[in-house]
Amino acid sequence: MARELRWGILGTGRICQDFVTALRYTRKPARVVAVGSRSLQKAARFAEANAEKNDGADVRCYGSYDELVQDERVDVIYVGTPNTEHVIHTLKALQHHKPVVCEKTFALSADSADKAIAVAVKHRLFLMEANWMPFWPLVAKALELLRAGAIGEPQMLLAGLGFANDHESNPGLLSADVGGGSLLACGIYLVSLSHMVFNGVPTSIAAQGTLAETGVDLTTAALLQYGAGRQAVLTTSIDNSIPCDATIFGTKGSLTLHAMFVCPLKLTVKTAGCEQVFEDTPPGDASAHYNFPNSAGLAHEADHVAQCLQEGLLESPVVPHSHTLECARTLDEIARQIGLELPSDGRHKKRKLHDAQASEPEA
């Protein structure tokens, strides 16, 4: 039997809460042993609120991220802080020789992502962007069918991901200083799926967006060309509820990941005279509370990380470093075309921690 994987949680936000809940339903043994926040009180409240999910196990609480990453009991760090802090916190964990799973969007620029990945590679530490989408059984099934030629050669991807955000109760999505906006919140999923479907990077990109007064993008649409007439039409929004499914059209049929395509429970494959429907259910207890739809599926991601660490891998074969970098470059170009200025550009003076300024770990 595999040894229990001991997680340290860096951050106490809603996605961190969901990740801890989902850890109860992993196939491989796992538990939280430590949590860190900028406030010891916040860390303690988080641990207390999630004690039952962690089977009452002792969780050390830290009032600083530095203390968390130095905890010798921790096997791997989960970074769930705002987008603007992902890379600096990833580097902080790597500095103390901890493997890292960092929430998406991994970095605010491809350059910053490249620097973090280079540090992990140099020091032979596991690092993965927490892109949970491809670990969902139906997403994996869709990609398997695609590779097997079930709908012929893929020609077009139509995908959307957006919702009408309550900007008063959830102001973070409008804040440039924490990496808000639709591109960083949702765009990574669209770009990631597109790259996976066409098994490569776009040859050309055309994008348009609508920016808020705060500088973030409310809605962004992008056309990605992959050569030989293959293209992806992607739309994302934090201002409008749009269809959140994804359909791949091939030379012999189509394949649809139904809403939300990021964490789908239904897949439909249509070919000449035939329609196949595949359905799934989230792991664990259906009555468990989550902040985001189908967050129980984070258990699939956690199991994959456990398997990678058990095998001594330094990167995920499903979400490899190259995929993270390629997606970051695509996001960079989309941001450039729509006039989106990201905090790592140094233009948001309120931002004190720029992700590219963190130091490299000691040898």
Foldseek 3Di string as FASTA:
>chain_A
DDDEAEEEEEDQDQLSLLLLLLQLFFPGHYAYAEYEALAQVSQVVSCVVCCVSRVNDHHHTYNHLLVRLQPPVHQAYEYDAFQQCQQQSLQSNVLSPHAYEYEPVNHLFLVLLVVSVVLLVVSLHAYFHLLLQCLAPVNVVVLVCLVVQVQHQWAEKEFEEEAAAPCVVVVPLQALLRPHAFCRVPVLNQLLSVCSNNVHFFPDKDKAFDHDPNQHTAKMWMWGHRPPNHIYTYIYGNRHDDFQKMKTHHPFWIKIQHPVSSNGQWIWTDGVPDIDIHGHDQTDDPPDDHPDPSSSSSSSVVNQVSVCVVVSHRYHPVRGSVSSSSSSNVSVVNCVNHVRDHVLVVPPVVHDDGSNPHDRHDD
